């Protein structure tokens, strides 16, 4: 089970940090990812982190602004979002990969959270 939190409203240029709490004994065995979906748009990849946290991968649209991290002891994944723009407005989903390695493909993820809404205003 994955439960996201930390969403809300923010002004453009500010920051938010999303959290994802995972349950289950195998959290440290799999890569994790963040995706987002804006109204009327397809779900898109945001960031991924491998099982150890040493390898990360970002969508071009967030590279340099967002940082994904994980704490295997706490079974948590985080998405620090800086320099937010109105284009970042979406529902953000945490997901568990079927692999230890990072991937941007939705089919590479087996479990998904319910999502947390992020709304950025100008």
Protein backbone atom coordinates (compact mmCIF):
# COMPACT_ATOMS: atom_id res chain seq x y z
CA UNK A 1 0.00 0.00 0.00
CA UNK A 2 1.23 3.47 -0.90
CA UNK A 3 -0.08 6.65 0.68
CA UNK A 4 0.94 10.06 -0.64
CA UNK A 5 0.82 13.27 1.36
CA UNK A 6 2.13 16.81 1.23
CA UNK A 7 0.12 18.13 -1.66
CA UNK A 8 -1.72 21.41 -1.55
CA UNK A 9 -1.76 24.88 -3.00
CA UNK A 10 1.39 26.86 -3.69
CA UNK A 11 2.44 30.04 -5.40
CA UNK A 12 4.60 29.85 -8.49
CA UNK A 13 8.25 29.96 -7.59
CA UNK A 14 7.80 28.34 -4.22
CA UNK A 15 8.40 24.79 -3.03
CA UNK A 16 6.50 21.74 -1.84
CA UNK A 17 7.69 18.35 -0.68
CA UNK A 18 5.58 15.27 -1.27
CA UNK A 19 5.88 12.14 0.81
CA UNK A 20 4.92 8.57 0.07
CA UNK A 21 4.57 6.04 2.86
CA UNK A 22 4.89 2.41 1.82
CA UNK A 23 3.93 -0.74 3.63
CA UNK A 24 5.14 -4.27 3.07
CA UNK A 25 8.41 -6.07 3.73
CA UNK A 26 9.98 -5.64 0.30
CA UNK A 27 10.15 -1.87 0.00
CA UNK A 28 13.94 -1.75 -0.20
CA UNK A 29 13.99 -4.32 -3.02
CA UNK A 30 12.34 -2.15 -5.63
CA UNK A 31 12.76 1.15 -7.41
CA UNK A 32 10.13 3.80 -6.76
CA UNK A 33 8.67 6.49 -8.94
CA UNK A 34 6.55 9.59 -9.04
CA UNK A 35 4.08 10.30 -11.81
CA UNK A 36 1.57 13.08 -12.29
CA UNK A 37 -1.64 13.62 -14.18
CA UNK A 38 -3.17 16.95 -15.04
CA UNK A 39 -6.87 17.27 -15.94
CA UNK A 40 -7.48 16.09 -19.47
CA UNK A 41 -3.94 14.82 -19.90
CA UNK A 42 -2.20 11.48 -19.82
CA UNK A 43 -0.33 10.35 -16.75
CA UNK A 44 3.30 11.34 -17.14
CA UNK A 45 6.55 10.28 -15.56
CA UNK A 46 8.18 12.69 -13.13
CA UNK A 47 11.04 10.93 -11.35
CA UNK A 48 12.36 7.53 -10.39
CA UNK A 49 14.85 6.27 -7.82
CA UNK A 50 16.51 2.87 -7.70
CA UNK A 51 16.37 0.49 -4.78
CA UNK A 52 19.40 1.92 -2.98
CA UNK A 53 18.72 5.58 -3.69
CA UNK A 54 22.02 6.03 -5.51
CA UNK A 55 20.49 6.29 -8.97
CA UNK A 56 17.81 8.77 -9.96
CA UNK A 57 16.12 9.67 -13.21
CA UNK A 58 13.99 12.71 -14.04
CA UNK A 59 11.68 13.94 -16.72
CA UNK A 60 13.20 16.85 -18.62
CA UNK A 61 10.38 19.09 -17.48
CA UNK A 62 11.41 18.79 -13.81
CA UNK A 63 15.14 18.17 -14.04
CA UNK A 64 17.04 20.63 -11.90
CA UNK A 65 13.92 21.63 -9.97
CA UNK A 66 12.67 18.37 -8.43
CA UNK A 67 14.59 15.92 -6.27
CA UNK A 68 13.49 12.38 -5.49
CA UNK A 69 14.85 10.58 -2.45
CA UNK A 70 14.05 7.59 -0.28
CA UNK A 71 14.55 6.34 3.24
CA UNK A 72 14.47 2.56 3.21
CA UNK A 73 14.48 2.31 6.99
CA UNK A 74 11.31 4.38 7.18
CA UNK A 75 9.82 2.99 3.94
CA UNK A 76 9.36 6.49 2.62
CA UNK A 77 9.86 8.19 -0.73
CA UNK A 78 9.99 11.94 -1.13
CA UNK A 79 9.66 14.40 -3.97
CA UNK A 80 11.06 17.83 -3.25
CA UNK A 81 9.64 20.29 -5.74
CA UNK A 82 11.26 23.69 -6.14
CA UNK A 83 10.62 26.64 -8.42
CA UNK A 84 7.09 25.44 -9.01
CA UNK A 85 5.21 26.65 -12.07
CA UNK A 86 1.56 26.47 -13.02
CA UNK A 87 2.54 23.65 -15.38
CA UNK A 88 3.27 21.51 -12.32
CA UNK A 89 -0.38 21.54 -11.31
CA UNK A 90 -1.53 17.92 -11.28
CA UNK A 91 -2.35 14.95 -9.12
CA UNK A 92 0.90 13.28 -8.11
CA UNK A 93 1.14 9.52 -7.72
CA UNK A 94 3.73 7.40 -6.01
CA UNK A 95 4.40 3.96 -7.50
CA UNK A 96 6.40 0.83 -6.78
CA UNK A 97 8.45 -0.55 -9.64
CA UNK A 98 8.70 -4.21 -10.59
CA UNK A 99 12.47 -3.76 -10.85
CA UNK A 100 15.37 -2.55 -8.75
CA UNK A 101 16.32 -0.06 -11.45
CA UNK A 102 14.84 3.28 -12.43
CA UNK A 103 12.31 3.42 -15.23
CA UNK A 104 10.02 6.04 -16.71
CA UNK A 105 7.52 3.55 -18.13
CA UNK A 106 4.19 3.23 -16.30
CA UNK A 107 4.06 -0.47 -17.19
CA UNK A 108 7.19 -0.89 -15.13
CA UNK A 109 5.24 -0.14 -11.95
CA UNK A 110 3.03 -2.61 -10.15
CA UNK A 111 1.50 -0.65 -7.31
CA UNK A 112 0.14 2.87 -7.20
CA UNK A 113 -1.03 5.24 -4.54
CA UNK A 114 -4.25 7.21 -4.64
CA UNK A 115 -2.50 10.46 -5.42
CA UNK A 116 -2.15 13.88 -3.85
CA UNK A 117 -3.23 17.08 -5.52
CA UNK A 118 -0.78 19.91 -6.20
CA UNK A 119 -2.14 23.22 -7.41
CA UNK A 120 0.24 26.01 -8.37
CA UNK A 121 -1.09 29.49 -8.92
CA UNK A 122 0.64 32.45 -10.52
